Protein backbone atom coordinates (compact mmCIF):
# COMPACT_ATOMS: atom_id res chain seq x y z
CA MET A 1 -0.12 -0.02 -0.12
CA LYS A 2 2.93 2.23 0.97
CA ASN A 3 4.48 1.74 -2.49
CA MET A 4 1.23 2.37 -4.41
CA MET A 5 0.87 5.80 -2.47
CA LEU A 6 4.57 6.58 -3.33
CA LEU A 7 3.96 5.79 -6.99
CA SER A 8 1.02 7.77 -7.12
CA MET A 9 2.66 10.88 -5.57
CA PHE A 10 5.61 10.46 -8.01
CA TYR A 11 3.14 10.27 -10.98
CA PHE A 12 1.39 13.43 -9.82
CA ILE A 13 4.48 15.48 -8.67
CA ILE A 14 6.84 14.44 -11.63
CA VAL A 15 5.08 12.72 -14.43
CA LEU A 16 2.03 14.56 -14.88
CA PRO A 17 3.65 18.28 -14.87
CA VAL A 18 6.30 16.94 -17.41
CA HIS A 19 3.44 15.77 -19.98
CA ALA A 20 1.50 18.78 -19.28
CA GLN A 21 4.61 21.00 -20.23
CA ASP A 22 5.19 18.85 -23.25
CA ALA A 23 1.76 19.62 -24.51
CA ALA A 24 1.92 23.26 -23.86
CA THR A 25 5.36 23.58 -25.65
CA ASN A 26 3.97 21.56 -28.60
CA GLN A 27 0.92 24.07 -28.81
CA GLN A 28 3.37 26.98 -28.50
CA ILE A 29 5.60 25.59 -31.33
CA GLN A 30 2.48 24.83 -33.42
CA ALA A 31 1.23 28.51 -33.01
CA LEU A 32 4.81 29.56 -34.06
CA ILE A 33 4.69 27.79 -37.21
CA ASP A 34 0.97 28.97 -37.81
CA GLN A 35 2.37 32.66 -37.36
CA TYR A 36 4.99 31.87 -39.76
CA THR A 37 2.47 30.78 -42.35
CA GLN A 38 0.12 33.64 -41.66
CA ALA A 39 3.33 36.22 -42.00
CA ARG A 40 4.14 34.66 -45.25
CA GLU A 41 0.64 34.71 -46.63
CA THR A 42 0.08 38.29 -45.47
CA LYS A 43 3.74 39.46 -46.18
CA ASP A 44 3.67 40.74 -42.68
CA THR A 45 7.32 41.88 -41.90
CA ALA A 46 6.48 42.99 -38.39
CA LEU A 47 5.30 39.47 -37.36
CA LEU A 48 8.30 37.85 -39.34
CA ASP A 49 10.60 40.23 -37.24
CA ARG A 50 9.08 38.99 -34.06
CA ILE A 51 9.20 35.43 -34.62
CA LEU A 52 12.75 34.89 -36.40
CA THR A 53 16.06 35.08 -34.33
CA PRO A 54 18.45 37.86 -35.50
CA ASP A 55 20.82 35.13 -36.63
CA VAL A 56 18.31 32.97 -38.48
CA ASP A 57 19.39 31.32 -41.68
CA GLN A 58 17.48 29.53 -44.52
CA LEU A 59 18.29 27.18 -47.24
CA VAL A 60 15.65 27.37 -49.94
CA SER A 61 14.66 24.60 -52.33
CA SER A 62 16.66 26.21 -55.14
CA GLY A 63 19.81 25.85 -52.94
CA THR A 64 20.04 29.51 -52.12
CA TRP A 65 21.14 30.35 -48.52
CA ARG A 66 19.61 33.34 -46.90
CA ASN A 67 21.74 34.54 -43.75
CA ASN A 68 20.39 36.80 -40.94
CA LYS A 69 16.86 38.18 -40.50
CA GLU A 70 17.09 40.91 -42.90
CA GLU A 71 18.12 38.79 -45.86
CA SER A 72 15.61 36.09 -44.66
CA ILE A 73 12.73 38.36 -44.56
CA SER A 74 13.44 40.12 -48.01
CA GLY A 75 13.96 36.67 -49.58
CA MET A 76 10.64 35.49 -48.13
CA LEU A 77 8.91 38.48 -49.61
CA ARG A 78 10.43 38.00 -52.93
CA SER A 79 9.58 34.35 -52.91
CA SER A 80 5.99 35.09 -51.90
CA GLN A 81 5.78 37.42 -54.80
CA ASN A 82 7.44 35.15 -57.36
CA ASN A 83 5.52 32.06 -56.12
CA PRO A 84 2.04 33.18 -55.26
CA GLY A 85 -0.52 30.76 -53.84
CA THR A 86 -1.89 29.58 -50.66
CA ARG A 87 0.72 28.16 -48.33
CA LEU A 88 -0.14 25.31 -46.05
CA ILE A 89 2.43 24.18 -43.60
CA THR A 90 1.51 20.77 -41.52
CA ILE A 91 3.72 19.64 -38.74
CA GLU A 92 4.75 16.09 -39.04
CA LYS A 93 6.93 15.72 -36.10
CA ILE A 94 8.45 17.83 -33.25
CA ARG A 95 11.53 16.53 -31.70
CA MET A 96 12.79 18.36 -28.55
CA LEU A 97 16.43 18.54 -28.33
CA ASN A 98 16.42 20.01 -24.76
CA ASP A 99 13.98 22.59 -22.94
CA ALA A 100 14.93 25.37 -25.28
CA ALA A 101 15.47 23.89 -28.85
CA ALA A 102 13.48 21.69 -31.17
CA ILE A 103 13.51 20.27 -34.71
CA VAL A 104 10.27 20.69 -36.35
CA ASP A 105 9.47 18.70 -39.41
CA THR A 106 6.75 19.70 -41.82
CA LYS A 107 5.11 19.13 -44.94
CA TYR A 108 5.04 22.45 -47.09
CA GLU A 109 2.49 22.84 -49.83
CA ILE A 110 1.84 25.95 -52.10
CA GLU A 111 -1.58 25.78 -53.97
CA ASN A 112 -1.13 27.67 -57.25
CA ALA A 113 -3.68 29.83 -58.90
CA ASP A 114 -4.40 27.14 -61.45
CA GLY A 115 -4.99 24.54 -58.73
CA SER A 116 -1.69 22.62 -59.06
CA VAL A 117 0.10 22.02 -55.66
CA ARG A 118 3.86 22.36 -55.22
CA ARG A 119 4.70 19.85 -52.51
CA MET A 120 7.94 20.20 -50.32
CA TRP A 121 9.37 19.35 -46.98
CA SER A 122 10.65 22.10 -44.62
CA THR A 123 12.46 21.56 -41.24
CA PHE A 124 12.36 24.34 -38.66
CA ILE A 125 14.95 24.77 -35.96
CA VAL A 126 13.13 26.47 -33.08
CA VAL A 127 14.63 27.99 -30.00
CA TYR A 128 13.14 29.63 -26.78
CA HIS A 129 14.64 33.05 -27.07
CA GLU A 130 13.69 36.26 -25.22
CA GLU A 131 10.81 34.66 -23.53
CA ARG A 132 9.08 32.97 -26.53
CA TRP A 133 9.71 30.48 -29.32
CA LYS A 134 11.27 31.65 -32.35
CA ILE A 135 12.62 30.31 -35.60
CA SER A 136 16.33 29.95 -35.80
CA ALA A 137 16.77 28.04 -39.08
CA ILE A 138 14.58 26.83 -41.96
CA ARG A 139 15.50 24.09 -44.48
CA ASN A 140 13.34 23.76 -47.42
CA MET A 141 13.41 20.63 -49.63
CA LEU A 142 11.96 19.23 -52.71
CA PRO A 143 11.04 15.58 -52.43
CA ALA A 144 13.11 13.28 -54.73
CA GLY A 145 11.39 11.74 -57.83
């Protein structure tokens, strides 16, 4: 009986808060990726400025590197203008590296005006920076074959 009480206490003091924290963190990271999608759709540079780290870098599907926030934001705006369409980013997996960093694997689709869909993968490196989750790196990839 004593062991059962100790096990119950362990669960409520240690295990349950960790699971609740994981769920809250996942929700915050999902909200961050949603904000990124919204900012790209609306070309909201102020929102992009808030959700990207100063040293963000991005490798786009063409093989071009964008280094730092200014270069990344201007490249994103050019890309959105050159590749118009509705963007949909769906999280496939979040892998926490520690309490302040995670890898977020996503499907990234752009629906063009003609109805065709460009299907890609994106990986986001997100970090807890200045009291909130921010994007530190983005890797866009076109699936092979």
